[in-house]
């Protein structure tokens, strides 16, 4: 899965970021790239989906632990 970016990099947070820091970073990205704010912008849509996927993994303690240990292979 070399084509996927690091989830921490996607959200712009450190690997030791708290749950609230992750949530805040996700909301900032979601607001910026939301399809309703950027109608027809495929790049914004892709960024929104990427941020949503990153948040889904990093906001769940079990998934985040597997991701930290195994990378994308642990959560795919």
N, C-alpha and C. Protein backbone atom coordinates (compact mmCIF):
# COMPACT_ATOMS: atom_id res chain seq x y z
N UNK A 1 0.83 -1.20 0.00
CA UNK A 1 0.00 0.00 0.00
C UNK A 1 0.87 1.26 0.00
N UNK A 2 1.83 1.30 -0.87
CA UNK A 2 2.74 2.43 -0.94
C UNK A 2 2.05 3.69 -1.47
N UNK A 3 0.88 3.53 -2.09
CA UNK A 3 0.20 4.69 -2.66
C UNK A 3 -0.57 5.49 -1.61
N UNK A 4 -0.73 4.96 -0.41
CA UNK A 4 -1.42 5.69 0.65
C UNK A 4 -0.43 6.48 1.48
N UNK A 5 -0.84 7.72 1.80
CA UNK A 5 0.01 8.56 2.66
C UNK A 5 -0.20 8.17 4.12
N UNK A 6 0.79 8.50 4.91
CA UNK A 6 0.70 8.26 6.35
C UNK A 6 -0.48 9.04 6.91
N UNK A 7 -1.31 8.39 7.72
CA UNK A 7 -2.52 9.03 8.25
C UNK A 7 -2.20 10.23 9.14
N UNK A 8 -1.12 10.15 9.87
CA UNK A 8 -0.73 11.29 10.71
C UNK A 8 -0.35 12.49 9.83
N UNK A 9 0.33 12.20 8.73
CA UNK A 9 0.72 13.25 7.78
C UNK A 9 -0.52 13.86 7.12
N UNK A 10 -1.48 13.02 6.78
CA UNK A 10 -2.72 13.50 6.14
C UNK A 10 -3.40 14.54 7.03
N UNK A 11 -3.49 14.25 8.32
CA UNK A 11 -4.16 15.17 9.24
C UNK A 11 -3.22 16.25 9.78
N UNK A 12 -1.93 16.09 9.57
CA UNK A 12 -0.98 17.10 10.02
C UNK A 12 -0.77 17.10 11.52
N UNK A 13 -0.77 15.90 12.11
CA UNK A 13 -0.55 15.78 13.56
C UNK A 13 0.63 14.85 13.83
N UNK A 14 1.17 14.95 15.04
CA UNK A 14 2.28 14.08 15.44
C UNK A 14 1.74 12.70 15.81
N UNK A 15 2.62 11.70 15.79
CA UNK A 15 2.21 10.34 16.14
C UNK A 15 1.72 10.22 17.58
N UNK A 16 2.16 11.14 18.43
CA UNK A 16 1.71 11.09 19.83
C UNK A 16 0.58 12.08 20.11
N UNK A 17 -0.11 12.49 19.06
CA UNK A 17 -1.21 13.45 19.20
C UNK A 17 -2.35 12.88 20.04
N UNK A 18 -2.97 13.74 20.82
CA UNK A 18 -4.10 13.32 21.64
C UNK A 18 -5.35 13.16 20.77
N UNK A 19 -6.36 12.50 21.33
CA UNK A 19 -7.62 12.32 20.60
C UNK A 19 -8.22 13.67 20.20
N UNK A 20 -8.14 14.65 21.10
CA UNK A 20 -8.72 15.96 20.79
C UNK A 20 -7.94 16.67 19.69
N UNK A 21 -6.62 16.50 19.65
CA UNK A 21 -5.81 17.10 18.59
C UNK A 21 -6.16 16.48 17.23
N UNK A 22 -6.36 15.17 17.22
CA UNK A 22 -6.72 14.47 15.99
C UNK A 22 -8.09 14.93 15.52
N UNK A 23 -9.03 15.04 16.43
CA UNK A 23 -10.39 15.47 16.09
C UNK A 23 -10.37 16.90 15.53
N UNK A 24 -9.63 17.77 16.17
CA UNK A 24 -9.54 19.17 15.74
C UNK A 24 -8.92 19.26 14.34
N UNK A 25 -7.86 18.50 14.11
CA UNK A 25 -7.19 18.51 12.81
C UNK A 25 -8.12 17.98 11.72
N UNK A 26 -8.86 16.92 12.05
CA UNK A 26 -9.81 16.37 11.07
C UNK A 26 -10.89 17.38 10.72
N UNK A 27 -11.47 18.01 11.72
CA UNK A 27 -12.54 18.99 11.47
C UNK A 27 -12.04 20.15 10.61
N UNK A 28 -10.81 20.56 10.82
CA UNK A 28 -10.22 21.64 10.03
C UNK A 28 -10.10 21.21 8.56
N UNK A 29 -9.60 20.00 8.33
CA UNK A 29 -9.46 19.48 6.97
C UNK A 29 -10.83 19.24 6.33
N UNK A 30 -11.76 18.67 7.08
CA UNK A 30 -13.08 18.38 6.55
C UNK A 30 -13.79 19.66 6.12
N UNK A 31 -13.66 20.68 6.93
CA UNK A 31 -14.30 21.97 6.60
C UNK A 31 -13.68 22.56 5.33
N UNK A 32 -12.37 22.45 5.21
CA UNK A 32 -11.67 23.02 4.06
C UNK A 32 -11.99 22.28 2.76
N UNK A 33 -12.08 20.95 2.82
CA UNK A 33 -12.20 20.13 1.61
C UNK A 33 -13.58 19.54 1.37
N UNK A 34 -14.56 19.88 2.19
CA UNK A 34 -15.88 19.27 2.05
C UNK A 34 -16.45 19.50 0.66
N UNK A 35 -17.05 18.46 0.06
CA UNK A 35 -17.61 18.59 -1.30
C UNK A 35 -18.68 19.69 -1.43
N UNK A 36 -19.42 19.98 -0.37
CA UNK A 36 -20.42 21.04 -0.44
C UNK A 36 -19.78 22.42 -0.55
N UNK A 37 -18.57 22.55 -0.01
CA UNK A 37 -17.85 23.82 -0.07
C UNK A 37 -17.09 23.94 -1.39
N UNK A 38 -16.72 22.80 -1.97
CA UNK A 38 -15.94 22.76 -3.21
C UNK A 38 -16.65 21.91 -4.27
N UNK A 39 -17.83 22.31 -4.72
CA UNK A 39 -18.56 21.49 -5.69
C UNK A 39 -17.78 21.32 -7.00
N UNK A 40 -17.68 20.05 -7.43
CA UNK A 40 -17.01 19.76 -8.69
C UNK A 40 -15.49 19.70 -8.62
N UNK A 41 -14.90 19.95 -7.46
CA UNK A 41 -13.44 19.94 -7.32
C UNK A 41 -12.99 18.53 -6.91
N UNK A 42 -12.46 17.80 -7.88
CA UNK A 42 -12.06 16.40 -7.63
C UNK A 42 -10.89 16.30 -6.64
N UNK A 43 -9.99 17.26 -6.67
CA UNK A 43 -8.86 17.24 -5.72
C UNK A 43 -9.36 17.43 -4.29
N UNK A 44 -10.28 18.37 -4.11
CA UNK A 44 -10.83 18.60 -2.78
C UNK A 44 -11.59 17.37 -2.29
N UNK A 45 -12.32 16.74 -3.20
CA UNK A 45 -13.06 15.53 -2.85
C UNK A 45 -12.11 14.41 -2.41
N UNK A 46 -11.01 14.26 -3.14
CA UNK A 46 -10.02 13.24 -2.80
C UNK A 46 -9.38 13.54 -1.44
N UNK A 47 -9.07 14.81 -1.19
CA UNK A 47 -8.49 15.20 0.10
C UNK A 47 -9.47 14.96 1.24
N UNK A 48 -10.75 15.24 1.00
CA UNK A 48 -11.78 15.02 2.01
C UNK A 48 -11.88 13.53 2.35
N UNK A 49 -11.90 12.69 1.32
CA UNK A 49 -11.98 11.23 1.54
C UNK A 49 -10.75 10.72 2.28
N UNK A 50 -9.59 11.22 1.91
CA UNK A 50 -8.34 10.82 2.55
C UNK A 50 -8.35 11.21 4.04
N UNK A 51 -8.79 12.43 4.33
CA UNK A 51 -8.85 12.90 5.72
C UNK A 51 -9.87 12.09 6.51
N UNK A 52 -11.00 11.77 5.89
CA UNK A 52 -12.04 10.98 6.57
C UNK A 52 -11.53 9.58 6.90
N UNK A 53 -10.82 8.98 5.96
CA UNK A 53 -10.25 7.65 6.18
C UNK A 53 -9.21 7.69 7.31
N UNK A 54 -8.38 8.70 7.30
CA UNK A 54 -7.36 8.85 8.34
C UNK A 54 -8.02 9.02 9.71
N UNK A 55 -9.06 9.84 9.76
CA UNK A 55 -9.75 10.07 11.04
C UNK A 55 -10.44 8.81 11.53
N UNK A 56 -11.03 8.06 10.60
CA UNK A 56 -11.70 6.80 10.98
C UNK A 56 -10.73 5.87 11.71
N UNK A 57 -9.51 5.79 11.23
CA UNK A 57 -8.51 4.90 11.83
C UNK A 57 -7.94 5.50 13.11
N UNK A 58 -7.53 6.75 13.08
CA UNK A 58 -6.84 7.34 14.22
C UNK A 58 -7.77 7.67 15.39
N UNK A 59 -9.06 7.79 15.14
CA UNK A 59 -9.99 8.11 16.23
C UNK A 59 -10.44 6.86 16.98
N UNK A 60 -10.16 5.69 16.45
CA UNK A 60 -10.52 4.42 17.09
C UNK A 60 -9.26 3.84 17.74
N UNK A 61 -9.29 3.70 19.07
CA UNK A 61 -8.08 3.27 19.80
C UNK A 61 -7.51 1.95 19.27
N UNK A 62 -8.37 0.97 19.01
CA UNK A 62 -7.90 -0.33 18.55
C UNK A 62 -7.30 -0.24 17.14
N UNK A 63 -7.98 0.45 16.24
CA UNK A 63 -7.47 0.60 14.87
C UNK A 63 -6.18 1.41 14.86
N UNK A 64 -6.12 2.44 15.70
CA UNK A 64 -4.91 3.26 15.77
C UNK A 64 -3.73 2.44 16.26
N UNK A 65 -3.96 1.59 17.24
CA UNK A 65 -2.89 0.74 17.77
C UNK A 65 -2.38 -0.20 16.68
N UNK A 66 -3.31 -0.82 15.92
CA UNK A 66 -2.90 -1.71 14.83
C UNK A 66 -2.17 -0.94 13.74
N UNK A 67 -2.64 0.26 13.43
CA UNK A 67 -1.98 1.09 12.42
C UNK A 67 -0.56 1.46 12.86
N UNK A 68 -0.43 1.85 14.14
CA UNK A 68 0.90 2.21 14.64
C UNK A 68 1.87 1.04 14.60
N UNK A 69 1.33 -0.16 14.82
CA UNK A 69 2.19 -1.33 14.85
C UNK A 69 2.49 -1.88 13.45
N UNK A 70 1.47 -1.94 12.58
CA UNK A 70 1.63 -2.60 11.28
C UNK A 70 1.49 -1.68 10.07
N UNK A 71 1.19 -0.42 10.28
CA UNK A 71 0.98 0.48 9.16
C UNK A 71 -0.35 0.19 8.47
N UNK A 72 -0.44 0.51 7.21
CA UNK A 72 -1.69 0.32 6.47
C UNK A 72 -2.11 -1.15 6.42
N UNK A 73 -1.16 -2.06 6.45
CA UNK A 73 -1.47 -3.48 6.41
C UNK A 73 -2.30 -3.92 7.62
N UNK A 74 -2.15 -3.23 8.72
CA UNK A 74 -2.88 -3.59 9.94
C UNK A 74 -4.33 -3.17 9.95
N UNK A 75 -4.70 -2.27 9.04
CA UNK A 75 -6.07 -1.76 9.04
C UNK A 75 -6.81 -1.98 7.72
N UNK A 76 -6.14 -2.52 6.73
CA UNK A 76 -6.80 -2.77 5.44
C UNK A 76 -7.48 -4.13 5.41
